[in-house]
């Protein structure tokens, strides 16, 4: 297996992981409250993805940059929904 294949697989599964909060968003919107959801996890996700995105830009690596940039957006969206339904 080539290193490019490993990079593509890692990027794909990182995207799957970062898309998973969409189910949380749907659940919050359905029940109308987010009291039981910790925003700290999503804040940590945003910080982590931001650092990896900066690193990916610095080394010009799209396998790192792309999924982590998406993770920032989805983390911010999730936090916005959490605070909207507090």
C-alpha atoms as a PDB file:
ATOM      1  CA  UNK A   1       0.000   0.000   0.000  1.00  0.00           C
ATOM      2  CA  UNK A   2       1.442   3.366  -0.994  1.00  0.00           C
ATOM      3  CA  UNK A   3       1.819   6.271   1.404  1.00  0.00           C
ATOM      4  CA  UNK A   4      -0.595   8.288  -0.774  1.00  0.00           C
ATOM      5  CA  UNK A   5      -3.239   5.603  -0.242  1.00  0.00           C
ATOM      6  CA  UNK A   6      -2.677   5.772   3.502  1.00  0.00           C
ATOM      7  CA  UNK A   7      -3.029   9.581   3.349  1.00  0.00           C
ATOM      8  CA  UNK A   8      -6.292   9.333   1.417  1.00  0.00           C
ATOM      9  CA  UNK A   9      -7.678   6.745   3.838  1.00  0.00           C
ATOM     10  CA  UNK A  10      -6.662   8.818   6.868  1.00  0.00           C
ATOM     11  CA  UNK A  11      -8.272  11.924   5.352  1.00  0.00           C
ATOM     12  CA  UNK A  12     -11.464  10.018   4.570  1.00  0.00           C
ATOM     13  CA  UNK A  13     -11.817   8.635   8.090  1.00  0.00           C
ATOM     14  CA  UNK A  14     -10.970  11.998   9.643  1.00  0.00           C
ATOM     15  CA  UNK A  15     -13.820  13.505   7.606  1.00  0.00           C
ATOM     16  CA  UNK A  16     -16.164  10.752   8.787  1.00  0.00           C
ATOM     17  CA  UNK A  17     -15.145  11.515  12.383  1.00  0.00           C
ATOM     18  CA  UNK A  18     -15.672  15.261  11.934  1.00  0.00           C
ATOM     19  CA  UNK A  19     -19.050  14.759  10.216  1.00  0.00           C
ATOM     20  CA  UNK A  20     -20.341  12.689  13.151  1.00  0.00           C
ATOM     21  CA  UNK A  21     -21.448  15.797  15.144  1.00  0.00           C
ATOM     22  CA  UNK A  22     -24.187  16.283  12.551  1.00  0.00           C
ATOM     23  CA  UNK A  23     -26.125  13.542  14.369  1.00  0.00           C
ATOM     24  CA  UNK A  24     -25.626  15.506  17.612  1.00  0.00           C
ATOM     25  CA  UNK A  25     -26.932  18.665  15.929  1.00  0.00           C
ATOM     26  CA  UNK A  26     -30.012  16.833  14.672  1.00  0.00           C
ATOM     27  CA  UNK A  27     -30.679  15.405  18.123  1.00  0.00           C
ATOM     28  CA  UNK A  28     -30.346  18.811  19.800  1.00  0.00           C
ATOM     29  CA  UNK A  29     -32.691  20.422  17.298  1.00  0.00           C
ATOM     30  CA  UNK A  30     -35.220  17.591  17.675  1.00  0.00           C
ATOM     31  CA  UNK A  31     -35.426  17.752  21.491  1.00  0.00           C
ATOM     32  CA  UNK A  32     -34.961  21.516  21.569  1.00  0.00           C
ATOM     33  CA  UNK A  33     -32.255  21.680  24.217  1.00  0.00           C
ATOM     34  CA  UNK A  34     -28.535  21.011  24.590  1.00  0.00           C
ATOM     35  CA  UNK A  35     -28.142  20.924  28.367  1.00  0.00           C
ATOM     36  CA  UNK A  36     -26.606  17.426  28.360  1.00  0.00           C
ATOM     37  CA  UNK A  37     -24.018  18.177  25.677  1.00  0.00           C
ATOM     38  CA  UNK A  38     -20.582  19.347  26.746  1.00  0.00           C
ATOM     39  CA  UNK A  39     -19.306  22.190  24.567  1.00  0.00           C
ATOM     40  CA  UNK A  40     -15.737  21.495  25.767  1.00  0.00           C
ATOM     41  CA  UNK A  41     -15.367  18.504  23.448  1.00  0.00           C
ATOM     42  CA  UNK A  42     -16.252  20.619  20.433  1.00  0.00           C
ATOM     43  CA  UNK A  43     -14.043  23.483  21.587  1.00  0.00           C
ATOM     44  CA  UNK A  44     -11.144  21.022  21.875  1.00  0.00           C
ATOM     45  CA  UNK A  45     -11.989  19.713  18.396  1.00  0.00           C
ATOM     46  CA  UNK A  46     -11.855  23.244  16.973  1.00  0.00           C
ATOM     47  CA  UNK A  47      -8.516  24.014  18.625  1.00  0.00           C
ATOM     48  CA  UNK A  48      -7.035  20.679  17.528  1.00  0.00           C
ATOM     49  CA  UNK A  49      -8.268  21.044  13.948  1.00  0.00           C
ATOM     50  CA  UNK A  50      -7.038  24.642  13.800  1.00  0.00           C
ATOM     51  CA  UNK A  51      -3.541  23.606  14.820  1.00  0.00           C
ATOM     52  CA  UNK A  52      -3.500  20.716  12.327  1.00  0.00           C
ATOM     53  CA  UNK A  53      -4.817  23.007   9.593  1.00  0.00           C
ATOM     54  CA  UNK A  54      -2.038  25.518  10.249  1.00  0.00           C
ATOM     55  CA  UNK A  55       0.475  22.665  10.164  1.00  0.00           C
ATOM     56  CA  UNK A  56      -1.029  21.306   6.932  1.00  0.00           C
ATOM     57  CA  UNK A  57      -0.763  24.730   5.314  1.00  0.00           C
ATOM     58  CA  UNK A  58       2.803  25.103   6.577  1.00  0.00           C
ATOM     59  CA  UNK A  59       3.943  21.876   4.967  1.00  0.00           C
ATOM     60  CA  UNK A  60       1.525  22.115   1.994  1.00  0.00           C
ATOM     61  CA  UNK A  61      -0.123  18.799   2.822  1.00  0.00           C
ATOM     62  CA  UNK A  62      -3.712  18.498   1.575  1.00  0.00           C
ATOM     63  CA  UNK A  63      -4.217  15.180   3.384  1.00  0.00           C
ATOM     64  CA  UNK A  64      -3.853  17.052   6.682  1.00  0.00           C
ATOM     65  CA  UNK A  65      -5.291  20.405   5.651  1.00  0.00           C
ATOM     66  CA  UNK A  66      -8.590  19.361   4.053  1.00  0.00           C
ATOM     67  CA  UNK A  67     -10.237  17.205   6.746  1.00  0.00           C
ATOM     68  CA  UNK A  68      -9.068  19.457   9.557  1.00  0.00           C
ATOM     69  CA  UNK A  69     -10.390  22.607   7.871  1.00  0.00           C
ATOM     70  CA  UNK A  70     -13.734  20.818   7.561  1.00  0.00           C
ATOM     71  CA  UNK A  71     -13.451  19.851  11.241  1.00  0.00           C
ATOM     72  CA  UNK A  72     -13.116  23.528  12.192  1.00  0.00           C
ATOM     73  CA  UNK A  73     -16.277  24.435  10.295  1.00  0.00           C
ATOM     74  CA  UNK A  74     -18.291  21.520  11.691  1.00  0.00           C
ATOM     75  CA  UNK A  75     -17.010  22.150  15.222  1.00  0.00           C
ATOM     76  CA  UNK A  76     -18.032  25.806  15.060  1.00  0.00           C
ATOM     77  CA  UNK A  77     -21.428  24.842  13.638  1.00  0.00           C
ATOM     78  CA  UNK A  78     -21.958  22.327  16.441  1.00  0.00           C
ATOM     79  CA  UNK A  79     -20.948  24.843  19.122  1.00  0.00           C
ATOM     80  CA  UNK A  80     -23.309  27.415  17.624  1.00  0.00           C
ATOM     81  CA  UNK A  81     -26.195  24.946  17.827  1.00  0.00           C
ATOM     82  CA  UNK A  82     -25.262  23.949  21.391  1.00  0.00           C
ATOM     83  CA  UNK A  83     -25.294  27.565  22.572  1.00  0.00           C
ATOM     84  CA  UNK A  84     -28.401  28.406  20.537  1.00  0.00           C
ATOM     85  CA  UNK A  85     -30.354  25.685  22.365  1.00  0.00           C
ATOM     86  CA  UNK A  86     -29.009  26.345  25.873  1.00  0.00           C
END
